[in-house]
C-alpha atoms as a PDB file:
ATOM      1  CA  MET A   1    -161.191  49.147 -90.022  1.00  0.00           C
ATOM      2  CA  LYS A   2    -158.783  46.617 -91.458  1.00  0.00           C
ATOM      3  CA  GLN A   3    -155.245  47.374 -90.857  1.00  0.00           C
ATOM      4  CA  SER A   4    -152.649  47.914 -93.702  1.00  0.00           C
ATOM      5  CA  ARG A   5    -150.285  44.821 -93.855  1.00  0.00           C
ATOM      6  CA  ALA A   6    -147.736  47.176 -95.060  1.00  0.00           C
ATOM      7  CA  LEU A   7    -147.551  48.590 -91.140  1.00  0.00           C
ATOM      8  CA  ALA A   8    -146.597  45.419 -89.640  1.00  0.00           C
ATOM      9  CA  SER A   9    -143.588  46.431 -87.397  1.00  0.00           C
ATOM     10  CA  GLN A  10    -140.586  44.464 -85.867  1.00  0.00           C
ATOM     11  CA  LYS A  11    -142.467  44.712 -82.463  1.00  0.00           C
ATOM     12  CA  ARG A  12    -145.614  43.008 -83.893  1.00  0.00           C
ATOM     13  CA  ILE A  13    -143.215  40.245 -85.480  1.00  0.00           C
ATOM     14  CA  ALA A  14    -141.478  39.829 -82.140  1.00  0.00           C
ATOM     15  CA  VAL A  15    -144.754  39.150 -80.381  1.00  0.00           C
ATOM     16  CA  GLU A  16    -146.128  36.967 -83.234  1.00  0.00           C
ATOM     17  CA  ALA A  17    -142.858  34.852 -83.210  1.00  0.00           C
ATOM     18  CA  GLY A  18    -142.460  34.811 -79.392  1.00  0.00           C
ATOM     19  CA  VAL A  19    -138.994  36.283 -79.461  1.00  0.00           C
ATOM     20  CA  SER A  20    -137.148  39.572 -78.823  1.00  0.00           C
ATOM     21  CA  GLN A  21    -137.186  42.378 -80.837  1.00  0.00           C
ATOM     22  CA  SER A  22    -133.529  42.299 -81.162  1.00  0.00           C
ATOM     23  CA  THR A  23    -133.822  38.926 -82.491  1.00  0.00           C
ATOM     24  CA  VAL A  24    -136.298  39.851 -85.150  1.00  0.00           C
ATOM     25  CA  SER A  25    -133.875  42.686 -86.231  1.00  0.00           C
ATOM     26  CA  LEU A  26    -130.877  40.525 -86.633  1.00  0.00           C
ATOM     27  CA  VAL A  27    -133.005  37.775 -88.731  1.00  0.00           C
ATOM     28  CA  LEU A  28    -134.668  40.305 -90.957  1.00  0.00           C
ATOM     29  CA  ALA A  29    -130.994  42.012 -91.554  1.00  0.00           C
ATOM     30  CA  GLY A  30    -129.886  38.563 -92.584  1.00  0.00           C
ATOM     31  CA  HIS A  31    -127.643  37.760 -89.691  1.00  0.00           C
ATOM     32  CA  ARG A  32    -127.313  34.215 -88.028  1.00  0.00           C
ATOM     33  CA  VAL A  33    -129.144  33.502 -84.625  1.00  0.00           C
ATOM     34  CA  ASN A  34    -128.557  30.637 -82.466  1.00  0.00           C
ATOM     35  CA  SER A  35    -131.510  28.390 -83.603  1.00  0.00           C
ATOM     36  CA  ASP A  36    -132.586  27.824 -87.227  1.00  0.00           C
ATOM     37  CA  GLU A  37    -136.136  27.352 -85.583  1.00  0.00           C
ATOM     38  CA  THR A  38    -135.990  30.804 -84.237  1.00  0.00           C
ATOM     39  CA  SER A  39    -135.263  32.070 -87.758  1.00  0.00           C
ATOM     40  CA  ARG A  40    -137.914  30.111 -89.421  1.00  0.00           C
ATOM     41  CA  ARG A  41    -140.619  31.365 -86.956  1.00  0.00           C
ATOM     42  CA  VAL A  42    -139.441  35.313 -87.387  1.00  0.00           C
ATOM     43  CA  LEU A  43    -139.539  34.916 -91.286  1.00  0.00           C
ATOM     44  CA  GLU A  44    -143.129  33.108 -91.404  1.00  0.00           C
ATOM     45  CA  ALA A  45    -144.243  35.932 -88.841  1.00  0.00           C
ATOM     46  CA  ALA A  46    -142.909  38.602 -91.102  1.00  0.00           C
ATOM     47  CA  GLU A  47    -144.674  37.024 -93.881  1.00  0.00           C
ATOM     48  CA  ARG A  48    -148.189  36.474 -92.317  1.00  0.00           C
ATOM     49  CA  LEU A  49    -147.820  40.205 -91.283  1.00  0.00           C
ATOM     50  CA  GLY A  50    -146.980  41.384 -94.675  1.00  0.00           C
ATOM     51  CA  TYR A  51    -143.710  42.971 -93.235  1.00  0.00           C
ATOM     52  CA  ARG A  52    -141.833  45.622 -95.649  1.00  0.00           C
ATOM     53  CA  PRO A  53    -138.606  46.412 -94.410  1.00  0.00           C
ATOM     54  CA  ASN A  54    -137.700  50.352 -94.174  1.00  0.00           C
ATOM     55  CA  LEU A  55    -134.839  50.545 -96.495  1.00  0.00           C
ATOM     56  CA  LEU A  56    -134.288  54.146 -95.451  1.00  0.00           C
ATOM     57  CA  VAL A  57    -133.652  53.206 -91.869  1.00  0.00           C
ATOM     58  CA  ARG A  58    -131.358  50.103 -93.322  1.00  0.00           C
ATOM     59  CA  GLY A  59    -129.353  52.518 -95.412  1.00  0.00           C
ATOM     60  CA  ILE A  60    -128.535  54.508 -92.365  1.00  0.00           C
ATOM     61  CA  GLN A  61    -127.649  51.467 -90.622  1.00  0.00           C
ATOM     62  CA  THR A  62    -125.368  50.021 -93.287  1.00  0.00           C
ATOM     63  CA  GLY A  63    -124.312  52.741 -95.229  1.00  0.00           C
ATOM     64  CA  LYS A  64    -125.879  51.171 -98.398  1.00  0.00           C
ATOM     65  CA  THR A  65    -128.972  52.354-100.050  1.00  0.00           C
ATOM     66  CA  GLY A  66    -129.284  49.616-102.529  1.00  0.00           C
ATOM     67  CA  THR A  67    -129.170  52.043-105.374  1.00  0.00           C
ATOM     68  CA  ILE A  68    -126.801  52.897-108.333  1.00  0.00           C
ATOM     69  CA  GLY A  69    -126.989  56.014-110.170  1.00  0.00           C
ATOM     70  CA  VAL A  70    -127.225  55.447-113.947  1.00  0.00           C
ATOM     71  CA  LEU A  71    -126.211  58.759-116.029  1.00  0.00           C
ATOM     72  CA  MET A  72    -127.142  57.942-119.378  1.00  0.00           C
ATOM     73  CA  PRO A  73    -130.337  58.474-121.785  1.00  0.00           C
ATOM     74  CA  PRO A  74    -132.384  56.178-123.325  1.00  0.00           C
ATOM     75  CA  ILE A  75    -131.412  57.310-127.011  1.00  0.00           C
ATOM     76  CA  GLY A  76    -131.703  55.011-129.780  1.00  0.00           C
ATOM     77  CA  PHE A  77    -131.482  51.203-129.848  1.00  0.00           C
ATOM     78  CA  TYR A  78    -127.882  50.791-128.691  1.00  0.00           C
ATOM     79  CA  TRP A  79    -128.310  52.745-125.353  1.00  0.00           C
ATOM     80  CA  THR A  80    -131.912  51.454-124.750  1.00  0.00           C
ATOM     81  CA  GLU A  81    -130.407  47.818-124.733  1.00  0.00           C
ATOM     82  CA  VAL A  82    -127.548  48.951-122.556  1.00  0.00           C
ATOM     83  CA  LEU A  83    -130.019  50.478-120.154  1.00  0.00           C
ATOM     84  CA  CYS A  84    -132.030  46.865-120.186  1.00  0.00           C
ATOM     85  CA  GLY A  85    -129.125  45.229-119.222  1.00  0.00           C
ATOM     86  CA  ILE A  86    -128.360  47.238-116.181  1.00  0.00           C
ATOM     87  CA  HIS A  87    -132.103  47.371-115.178  1.00  0.00           C
ATOM     88  CA  ASP A  88    -132.297  43.280-115.339  1.00  0.00           C
ATOM     89  CA  LEU A  89    -128.911  42.679-113.685  1.00  0.00           C
ATOM     90  CA  MET A  90    -129.831  45.005-110.786  1.00  0.00           C
ATOM     91  CA  SER A  91    -133.457  43.856-110.538  1.00  0.00           C
ATOM     92  CA  SER A  92    -132.308  40.388-110.222  1.00  0.00           C
ATOM     93  CA  ALA A  93    -129.759  41.553-107.336  1.00  0.00           C
ATOM     94  CA  ASP A  94    -132.511  43.531-105.610  1.00  0.00           C
ATOM     95  CA  GLN A  95    -130.899  46.766-106.491  1.00  0.00           C
ATOM     96  CA  VAL A  96    -132.440  49.867-107.915  1.00  0.00           C
ATOM     97  CA  PRO A  97    -130.874  52.042-110.713  1.00  0.00           C
ATOM     98  CA  ILE A  98    -131.752  55.662-110.457  1.00  0.00           C
ATOM     99  CA  THR A  99    -131.524  56.777-114.059  1.00  0.00           C
ATOM    100  CA  LEU A 100    -130.893  60.593-115.024  1.00  0.00           C
ATOM    101  CA  TRP A 101    -129.364  62.537-118.108  1.00  0.00           C
ATOM    102  CA  SER A 102    -129.411  65.859-119.326  1.00  0.00           C
ATOM    103  CA  ALA A 103    -132.299  67.768-119.564  1.00  0.00           C
ATOM    104  CA  HIS A 104    -134.245  67.861-122.884  1.00  0.00           C
ATOM    105  CA  THR A 105    -137.661  69.419-123.865  1.00  0.00           C
ATOM    106  CA  GLY A 106    -140.560  67.795-125.938  1.00  0.00           C
ATOM    107  CA  THR A 107    -139.378  65.339-128.556  1.00  0.00           C
ATOM    108  CA  ALA A 108    -137.265  67.400-130.770  1.00  0.00           C
ATOM    109  CA  GLN A 109    -135.254  69.659-128.578  1.00  0.00           C
ATOM    110  CA  ARG A 110    -132.717  67.270-126.772  1.00  0.00           C
ATOM    111  CA  ASP A 111    -129.556  68.307-124.780  1.00  0.00           C
ATOM    112  CA  ARG A 112    -128.171  65.042-125.456  1.00  0.00           C
ATOM    113  CA  TYR A 113    -124.396  65.816-125.446  1.00  0.00           C
ATOM    114  CA  GLY A 114    -124.307  69.090-123.622  1.00  0.00           C
ATOM    115  CA  GLN A 115    -123.494  69.459-120.101  1.00  0.00           C
ATOM    116  CA  GLY A 116    -125.925  72.106-119.296  1.00  0.00           C
ATOM    117  CA  GLU A 117    -127.334  70.120-116.386  1.00  0.00           C
ATOM    118  CA  GLY A 118    -124.807  67.310-116.092  1.00  0.00           C
ATOM    119  CA  LEU A 119    -123.429  68.494-112.932  1.00  0.00           C
ATOM    120  CA  LEU A 120    -126.584  69.014-111.149  1.00  0.00           C
ATOM    121  CA  GLN A 121    -127.744  65.490-112.045  1.00  0.00           C
ATOM    122  CA  ILE A 122    -124.353  64.022-110.559  1.00  0.00           C
ATOM    123  CA  HIS A 123    -125.215  65.979-107.309  1.00  0.00           C
ATOM    124  CA  ARG A 124    -128.951  64.767-107.369  1.00  0.00           C
ATOM    125  CA  LEU A 125    -127.477  61.189-107.281  1.00  0.00           C
ATOM    126  CA  LEU A 126    -124.860  61.786-104.738  1.00  0.00           C
ATOM    127  CA  ASP A 127    -127.565  63.582-102.389  1.00  0.00           C
ATOM    128  CA  ARG A 128    -129.654  60.473-102.604  1.00  0.00           C
ATOM    129  CA  ARG A 129    -126.103  58.300-101.520  1.00  0.00           C
ATOM    130  CA  VAL A 130    -126.363  56.000-104.374  1.00  0.00           C
ATOM    131  CA  ASP A 131    -123.844  52.974-104.224  1.00  0.00           C
ATOM    132  CA  GLY A 132    -122.012  53.560-107.285  1.00  0.00           C
ATOM    133  CA  ALA A 133    -122.364  55.119-110.414  1.00  0.00           C
ATOM    134  CA  ILE A 134    -122.571  53.973-114.227  1.00  0.00           C
ATOM    135  CA  LEU A 135    -121.663  56.745-116.773  1.00  0.00           C
ATOM    136  CA  TRP A 136    -122.148  57.215-120.697  1.00  0.00           C
ATOM    137  CA  PRO A 137    -119.328  58.959-122.350  1.00  0.00           C
ATOM    138  CA  PRO A 138    -120.404  62.534-122.134  1.00  0.00           C
ATOM    139  CA  PHE A 139    -120.939  61.979-118.412  1.00  0.00           C
ATOM    140  CA  ALA A 140    -117.632  60.223-118.152  1.00  0.00           C
ATOM    141  CA  GLN A 141    -115.886  63.180-119.820  1.00  0.00           C
ATOM    142  CA  LEU A 142    -117.851  65.474-117.097  1.00  0.00           C
ATOM    143  CA  TYR A 143    -116.492  63.228-114.487  1.00  0.00           C
ATOM    144  CA  LEU A 144    -112.886  63.985-115.427  1.00  0.00           C
ATOM    145  CA  GLU A 145    -113.734  67.771-114.902  1.00  0.00           C
ATOM    146  CA  HIS A 146    -115.423  66.985-111.332  1.00  0.00           C
ATOM    147  CA  LEU A 147    -113.484  64.096-110.090  1.00  0.00           C
ATOM    148  CA  HIS A 148    -113.671  65.388-106.499  1.00  0.00           C
ATOM    149  CA  GLU A 149    -117.532  64.986-106.643  1.00  0.00           C
ATOM    150  CA  PHE A 150    -117.139  61.172-106.701  1.00  0.00           C
ATOM    151  CA  SER A 151    -113.804  60.597-104.984  1.00  0.00           C
ATOM    152  CA  SER A 152    -114.118  62.425-101.793  1.00  0.00           C
ATOM    153  CA  ARG A 153    -117.298  59.916-101.144  1.00  0.00           C
ATOM    154  CA  ASN A 154    -115.214  56.942-102.406  1.00  0.00           C
ATOM    155  CA  LEU A 155    -118.050  56.105-104.937  1.00  0.00           C
ATOM    156  CA  PRO A 156    -117.216  53.260-107.457  1.00  0.00           C
ATOM    157  CA  VAL A 157    -117.596  54.262-110.912  1.00  0.00           C
ATOM    158  CA  VAL A 158    -117.993  52.280-114.163  1.00  0.00           C
ATOM    159  CA  THR A 159    -117.892  54.282-117.452  1.00  0.00           C
ATOM    160  CA  ILE A 160    -119.076  52.509-120.923  1.00  0.00           C
ATOM    161  CA  ASP A 161    -117.398  53.241-123.997  1.00  0.00           C
ATOM    162  CA  HIS A 162    -115.381  55.926-123.009  1.00  0.00           C
ATOM    163  CA  GLU A 163    -112.277  54.811-120.950  1.00  0.00           C
ATOM    164  CA  LEU A 164    -110.827  57.092-118.327  1.00  0.00           C
ATOM    165  CA  PRO A 165    -107.027  57.611-117.573  1.00  0.00           C
ATOM    166  CA  ALA A 166    -105.548  55.093-115.200  1.00  0.00           C
ATOM    167  CA  GLU A 167    -105.038  57.254-112.616  1.00  0.00           C
ATOM    168  CA  TYR A 168    -108.717  57.853-112.231  1.00  0.00           C
ATOM    169  CA  ASN A 169    -109.123  54.057-111.131  1.00  0.00           C
ATOM    170  CA  ALA A 170    -112.533  53.833-112.833  1.00  0.00           C
ATOM    171  CA  ASP A 171    -113.748  50.729-114.128  1.00  0.00           C
ATOM    172  CA  TYR A 172    -114.653  50.327-118.094  1.00  0.00           C
ATOM    173  CA  VAL A 173    -116.764  48.203-119.739  1.00  0.00           C
ATOM    174  CA  GLY A 174    -117.317  48.374-123.767  1.00  0.00           C
ATOM    175  CA  SER A 175    -117.030  46.579-127.000  1.00  0.00           C
ATOM    176  CA  ASP A 176    -113.695  45.297-128.787  1.00  0.00           C
ATOM    177  CA  GLU A 177    -113.557  48.332-130.809  1.00  0.00           C
ATOM    178  CA  ALA A 178    -110.300  47.456-132.242  1.00  0.00           C
ATOM    179  CA  SER A 179    -111.351  44.133-133.376  1.00  0.00           C
ATOM    180  CA  GLY A 180    -114.597  45.415-134.933  1.00  0.00           C
ATOM    181  CA  GLY A 181    -112.282  48.309-136.896  1.00  0.00           C
ATOM    182  CA  ARG A 182    -109.841  45.393-138.202  1.00  0.00           C
ATOM    183  CA  MET A 183    -112.665  43.226-139.038  1.00  0.00           C
ATOM    184  CA  ILE A 184    -114.401  46.142-141.537  1.00  0.00           C
ATOM    185  CA  ALA A 185    -110.877  46.781-143.039  1.00  0.00           C
ATOM    186  CA  GLU A 186    -110.333  43.243-144.096  1.00  0.00           C
ATOM    187  CA  HIS A 187    -113.865  42.885-145.420  1.00  0.00           C
ATOM    188  CA  LEU A 188    -113.521  45.524-147.721  1.00  0.00           C
ATOM    189  CA  TYR A 189    -110.161  44.921-148.741  1.00  0.00           C
ATOM    190  CA  ALA A 190    -110.953  41.205-149.411  1.00  0.00           C
ATOM    191  CA  GLU A 191    -113.993  42.575-151.620  1.00  0.00           C
ATOM    192  CA  GLY A 192    -111.661  44.500-153.602  1.00  0.00           C
ATOM    193  CA  HIS A 193    -111.685  47.793-152.574  1.00  0.00           C
ATOM    194  CA  ARG A 194    -108.517  49.951-152.482  1.00  0.00           C
ATOM    195  CA  GLN A 195    -109.792  53.572-151.973  1.00  0.00           C
ATOM    196  CA  PHE A 196    -111.391  53.768-148.591  1.00  0.00           C
ATOM    197  CA  GLY A 197    -113.094  56.464-146.575  1.00  0.00           C
ATOM    198  CA  HIS A 198    -114.028  56.899-142.946  1.00  0.00           C
ATOM    199  CA  LEU A 199    -116.630  59.230-141.575  1.00  0.00           C
ATOM    200  CA  ALA A 200    -115.178  59.449-138.028  1.00  0.00           C
ATOM    201  CA  ALA A 201    -117.160  60.118-134.818  1.00  0.00           C
ATOM    202  CA  PRO A 202    -115.720  63.017-132.809  1.00  0.00           C
ATOM    203  CA  SER A 203    -112.342  62.082-131.364  1.00  0.00           C
ATOM    204  CA  GLU A 204    -113.246  63.247-127.796  1.00  0.00           C
ATOM    205  CA  SER A 205    -114.536  59.633-126.996  1.00  0.00           C
ATOM    206  CA  THR A 206    -112.352  56.813-126.739  1.00  0.00           C
ATOM    207  CA  TRP A 207    -114.635  54.481-128.456  1.00  0.00           C
ATOM    208  CA  ALA A 208    -114.478  56.449-131.696  1.00  0.00           C
ATOM    209  CA  THR A 209    -110.675  56.691-131.497  1.00  0.00           C
ATOM    210  CA  ALA A 210    -110.249  53.130-130.964  1.00  0.00           C
ATOM    211  CA  ARG A 211    -112.374  52.193-133.822  1.00  0.00           C
ATOM    212  CA  ARG A 212    -110.621  54.822-136.262  1.00  0.00           C
ATOM    213  CA  LYS A 213    -107.165  53.728-135.266  1.00  0.00           C
ATOM    214  CA  ALA A 214    -107.610  49.958-135.737  1.00  0.00           C
ATOM    215  CA  PHE A 215    -109.226  50.636-139.280  1.00  0.00           C
ATOM    216  CA  GLU A 216    -106.758  53.022-140.657  1.00  0.00           C
ATOM    217  CA  ASP A 217    -103.838  50.904-139.102  1.00  0.00           C
ATOM    218  CA  ALA A 218    -105.073  48.009-140.884  1.00  0.00           C
ATOM    219  CA  ILE A 219    -105.745  49.762-144.177  1.00  0.00           C
ATOM    220  CA  ASN A 220    -102.597  51.572-144.289  1.00  0.00           C
ATOM    221  CA  LYS A 221    -100.564  47.976-143.916  1.00  0.00           C
ATOM    222  CA  LYS A 222    -102.215  46.822-147.092  1.00  0.00           C
ATOM    223  CA  ARG A 223    -100.512  47.604-150.377  1.00  0.00           C
ATOM    224  CA  GLY A 224    -101.904  49.864-153.191  1.00  0.00           C
ATOM    225  CA  THR A 225    -104.558  51.565-150.763  1.00  0.00           C
ATOM    226  CA  SER A 226    -105.786  55.182-150.101  1.00  0.00           C
ATOM    227  CA  LEU A 227    -107.745  56.451-147.172  1.00  0.00           C
ATOM    228  CA  VAL A 228    -109.375  59.665-146.472  1.00  0.00           C
ATOM    229  CA  ALA A 229    -110.968  60.264-142.951  1.00  0.00           C
ATOM    230  CA  LEU A 230    -113.299  63.187-142.062  1.00  0.00           C
ATOM    231  CA  GLU A 231    -114.458  63.719-138.617  1.00  0.00           C
ATOM    232  CA  ALA A 232    -117.937  64.691-137.881  1.00  0.00           C
ATOM    233  CA  PRO A 233    -118.676  67.438-135.309  1.00  0.00           C
ATOM    234  CA  SER A 234    -119.784  67.216-131.617  1.00  0.00           C
ATOM    235  CA  GLY A 235    -123.522  66.657-131.120  1.00  0.00           C
ATOM    236  CA  ASP A 236    -126.218  65.371-132.975  1.00  0.00           C
ATOM    237  CA  THR A 237    -124.949  62.727-135.494  1.00  0.00           C
ATOM    238  CA  ARG A 238    -127.206  64.420-138.261  1.00  0.00           C
ATOM    239  CA  GLN A 239    -124.484  66.880-138.153  1.00  0.00           C
ATOM    240  CA  GLY A 240    -122.128  64.538-139.941  1.00  0.00           C
ATOM    241  CA  ILE A 241    -124.223  64.856-143.148  1.00  0.00           C
ATOM    242  CA  THR A 242    -121.644  67.898-144.140  1.00  0.00           C
ATOM    243  CA  GLN A 243    -118.630  65.562-143.867  1.00  0.00           C
ATOM    244  CA  ALA A 244    -120.561  62.690-145.702  1.00  0.00           C
ATOM    245  CA  ARG A 245    -121.312  65.175-148.704  1.00  0.00           C
ATOM    246  CA  ALA A 246    -117.552  66.101-148.785  1.00  0.00           C
ATOM    247  CA  MET A 247    -116.549  62.825-149.027  1.00  0.00           C
ATOM    248  CA  LEU A 248    -118.585  61.961-151.811  1.00  0.00           C
ATOM    249  CA  ALA A 249    -117.436  65.165-153.581  1.00  0.00           C
ATOM    250  CA  LEU A 250    -113.867  64.240-153.705  1.00  0.00           C
ATOM    251  CA  LYS A 251    -112.228  63.888-157.239  1.00  0.00           C
ATOM    252  CA  GLU A 252    -110.749  60.613-156.067  1.00  0.00           C
ATOM    253  CA  ARG A 253    -113.789  59.246-154.345  1.00  0.00           C
ATOM    254  CA  PRO A 254    -113.697  56.154-152.150  1.00  0.00           C
ATOM    255  CA  SER A 255    -115.293  53.058-153.349  1.00  0.00           C
ATOM    256  CA  ALA A 256    -115.795  51.931-149.924  1.00  0.00           C
ATOM    257  CA  ILE A 257    -116.744  53.969-146.515  1.00  0.00           C
ATOM    258  CA  PHE A 258    -116.536  52.950-143.120  1.00  0.00           C
ATOM    259  CA  ALA A 259    -119.212  55.002-141.089  1.00  0.00           C
ATOM    260  CA  ALA A 260    -118.333  55.075-137.470  1.00  0.00           C
ATOM    261  CA  SER A 261    -121.734  54.247-136.223  1.00  0.00           C
ATOM    262  CA  ASP A 262    -124.935  53.062-138.174  1.00  0.00           C
ATOM    263  CA  LEU A 263    -126.347  56.561-137.480  1.00  0.00           C
ATOM    264  CA  TYR A 264    -123.342  58.095-139.506  1.00  0.00           C
ATOM    265  CA  ALA A 265    -123.980  55.521-142.020  1.00  0.00           C
ATOM    266  CA  LYS A 266    -127.357  57.192-142.360  1.00  0.00           C
ATOM    267  CA  MET A 267    -125.744  60.068-143.415  1.00  0.00           C
ATOM    268  CA  ILE A 268    -123.461  58.494-146.084  1.00  0.00           C
ATOM    269  CA  TYR A 269    -126.889  56.794-147.453  1.00  0.00           C
ATOM    270  CA  GLN A 270    -128.344  60.398-147.729  1.00  0.00           C
ATOM    271  CA  ALA A 271    -125.532  62.144-149.279  1.00  0.00           C
ATOM    272  CA  ALA A 272    -125.348  59.443-151.971  1.00  0.00           C
ATOM    273  CA  LYS A 273    -128.848  59.495-152.667  1.00  0.00           C
ATOM    274  CA  GLU A 274    -128.559  63.364-153.374  1.00  0.00           C
ATOM    275  CA  ILE A 275    -126.157  62.837-156.011  1.00  0.00           C
ATOM    276  CA  ASN A 276    -127.899  59.554-157.450  1.00  0.00           C
ATOM    277  CA  LEU A 277    -125.156  56.965-156.250  1.00  0.00           C
ATOM    278  CA  ASN A 278    -126.050  53.548-156.096  1.00  0.00           C
ATOM    279  CA  ILE A 279    -125.406  51.347-152.723  1.00  0.00           C
ATOM    280  CA  PRO A 280    -123.433  48.998-153.380  1.00  0.00           C
ATOM    281  CA  GLY A 281    -123.206  49.553-157.165  1.00  0.00           C
ATOM    282  CA  ASP A 282    -121.261  52.838-156.863  1.00  0.00           C
ATOM    283  CA  LEU A 283    -120.361  52.829-153.373  1.00  0.00           C
ATOM    284  CA  SER A 284    -120.109  50.369-150.361  1.00  0.00           C
ATOM    285  CA  VAL A 285    -120.643  51.108-146.917  1.00  0.00           C
ATOM    286  CA  VAL A 286    -120.202  49.493-143.526  1.00  0.00           C
ATOM    287  CA  GLY A 287    -121.661  50.937-140.265  1.00  0.00           C
ATOM    288  CA  PHE A 288    -120.944  49.823-136.444  1.00  0.00           C
ATOM    289  CA  SER A 289    -123.587  48.940-133.898  1.00  0.00           C
ATOM    290  CA  ASP A 290    -126.165  47.033-135.684  1.00  0.00           C
ATOM    291  CA  ASP A 291    -128.991  49.276-134.553  1.00  0.00           C
ATOM    292  CA  GLU A 292    -132.486  47.962-134.727  1.00  0.00           C
ATOM    293  CA  PHE A 293    -133.125  50.119-138.400  1.00  0.00           C
ATOM    294  CA  ALA A 294    -129.894  48.675-139.665  1.00  0.00           C
ATOM    295  CA  GLN A 295    -131.501  45.779-141.726  1.00  0.00           C
ATOM    296  CA  GLU A 296    -134.241  47.928-142.602  1.00  0.00           C
ATOM    297  CA  MET A 297    -132.140  50.383-144.473  1.00  0.00           C
ATOM    298  CA  LEU A 298    -132.202  50.196-148.466  1.00  0.00           C
ATOM    299  CA  PRO A 299    -130.223  48.302-148.821  1.00  0.00           C
ATOM    300  CA  PRO A 300    -129.592  46.533-145.429  1.00  0.00           C
ATOM    301  CA  LEU A 301    -126.673  47.769-143.934  1.00  0.00           C
ATOM    302  CA  THR A 302    -123.392  45.671-143.484  1.00  0.00           C
ATOM    303  CA  THR A 303    -122.099  46.345-139.711  1.00  0.00           C
ATOM    304  CA  VAL A 304    -120.402  45.357-136.693  1.00  0.00           C
ATOM    305  CA  ARG A 305    -122.645  44.176-133.984  1.00  0.00           C
ATOM    306  CA  GLN A 306    -121.884  45.335-130.466  1.00  0.00           C
ATOM    307  CA  PRO A 307    -123.361  43.182-127.527  1.00  0.00           C
ATOM    308  CA  ALA A 308    -125.346  46.135-125.975  1.00  0.00           C
ATOM    309  CA  TYR A 309    -127.466  44.313-123.320  1.00  0.00           C
ATOM    310  CA  GLU A 310    -124.466  42.026-122.123  1.00  0.00           C
ATOM    311  CA  ILE A 311    -122.393  45.522-121.809  1.00  0.00           C
ATOM    312  CA  GLY A 312    -125.205  46.751-119.663  1.00  0.00           C
ATOM    313  CA  LYS A 313    -125.279  43.622-117.483  1.00  0.00           C
ATOM    314  CA  ARG A 314    -121.661  43.483-117.044  1.00  0.00           C
ATOM    315  CA  ALA A 315    -121.234  47.330-116.111  1.00  0.00           C
ATOM    316  CA  ALA A 316    -124.035  46.656-113.462  1.00  0.00           C
ATOM    317  CA  GLU A 317    -122.304  43.480-112.021  1.00  0.00           C
ATOM    318  CA  VAL A 318    -119.049  45.484-111.784  1.00  0.00           C
ATOM    319  CA  VAL A 319    -120.230  48.553-110.227  1.00  0.00           C
ATOM    320  CA  LEU A 320    -122.193  46.319-107.631  1.00  0.00           C
ATOM    321  CA  GLY A 321    -118.844  44.023-106.932  1.00  0.00           C
ATOM    322  CA  ARG A 322    -117.015  47.207-106.105  1.00  0.00           C
ATOM    323  CA  SER A 323    -119.935  48.523-103.971  1.00  0.00           C
ATOM    324  CA  SER A 324    -119.870  45.131-101.898  1.00  0.00           C
ATOM    325  CA  GLY A 325    -116.241  44.792-101.891  1.00  0.00           C
ATOM    326  CA  GLN A 326    -115.975  41.711-103.974  1.00  0.00           C
ATOM    327  CA  ILE A 327    -114.139  43.691-106.547  1.00  0.00           C
ATOM    328  CA  ARG A 328    -110.968  45.231-105.279  1.00  0.00           C
ATOM    329  CA  GLY A 329    -107.983  46.748-106.428  1.00  0.00           C
ATOM    330  CA  LYS A 330    -107.213  48.688-109.577  1.00  0.00           C
ATOM    331  CA  GLY A 331    -109.760  49.876-112.342  1.00  0.00           C
ATOM    332  CA  ARG A 332    -110.720  47.059-114.644  1.00  0.00           C
ATOM    333  CA  HIS A 333    -110.689  47.368-118.399  1.00  0.00           C
ATOM    334  CA  GLU A 334    -113.205  44.908-119.993  1.00  0.00           C
ATOM    335  CA  GLU A 335    -114.142  44.364-123.908  1.00  0.00           C
ATOM    336  CA  LEU A 336    -116.835  42.339-125.096  1.00  0.00           C
ATOM    337  CA  PRO A 337    -116.605  40.668-128.480  1.00  0.00           C
ATOM    338  CA  VAL A 338    -118.222  41.972-131.392  1.00  0.00           C
ATOM    339  CA  ASN A 339    -119.303  40.414-134.812  1.00  0.00           C
ATOM    340  CA  LEU A 340    -119.265  41.496-138.439  1.00  0.00           C
ATOM    341  CA  ILE A 341    -122.838  41.075-139.803  1.00  0.00           C
ATOM    342  CA  VAL A 342    -122.629  41.248-143.768  1.00  0.00           C
ATOM    343  CA  ARG A 343    -125.549  42.452-145.724  1.00  0.00           C
ATOM    344  CA  GLN A 344    -126.454  43.929-149.024  1.00  0.00           C
ATOM    345  CA  SER A 345    -124.434  47.528-148.532  1.00  0.00           C
ATOM    346  CA  THR A 346    -121.218  45.992-149.605  1.00  0.00           C
ATOM    347  CA  ARG A 347    -120.105  44.190-152.635  1.00  0.00           C
ATOM    348  CA  GLU A 348    -117.129  42.541-154.396  1.00  0.00           C
ATOM    349  CA  ILE A 349    -115.625  44.785-156.856  1.00  0.00           C
ATOM    350  CA  ASN A 350    -113.112  43.847-159.888  1.00  0.00           C
END
């Protein structure tokens, strides 16, 4: 019976290479030995025998498992791209992401934002001794309530799109939200709009408050402008349809609306269609994210493009840097640049 190549042991490699087992252990762990020739013989013997290291044993020896907990769901284009960035960077570094999110049932019932099993998922990662964690906003908020779960293990944490207070010493990677909000304000004002609306995302996340503040500050500095902002409830973005309808029902209806995300822009489109408003003839609309469906909307949506894939890669780089000790000191705040993508949902008015 042919022996499995996967079962090659360090003892067999030592015999094959003509060295001691302790020398084999040092070479395979990446340490230098007294001879480059010895290292070469060990590595060649390991390759011939099909040696695969026991990472569980290595984890016990080094205190590092080579895994990072990623607490975020593959929801929509943006977060899928973020996850791809994390995956690709970690794969290139020979690290493994363990991805978990709050439970859901089937394709319709999803506890995307609730904290139902959030703490349980955190415990699952910690019990597997991950070397760090990357958190999306709802888990970052849960982290605020259960700081000791991470800090007691000295675990590096990177949050995406939700910045924690400085005393938590967590790293943050996200988009330049303020720049995006200002770009939208400047674009709409230059198009001749003076009555503005903002369908705001729930203020519990810092990405939402940063976009809103920058947009409102920029509009309020302009002469002859008015602004109404309505905040959507927490949870599924489809619940924002109520605020979208209310905004379009105002006696002084805005001529231009900034929706806090492309998903909220869909709600504006739906509410406008219900009362036969034409976009952009009667109403200009701008979103934020540049999800894959944005250019397929009718009309194609003007929006701010976020570098989702690059955000994921950078978050992975930071958490691995913290875990390895290459990054030290206080928590970092990193914002990646955004771009305004002008399409047919906005137009110049007289």
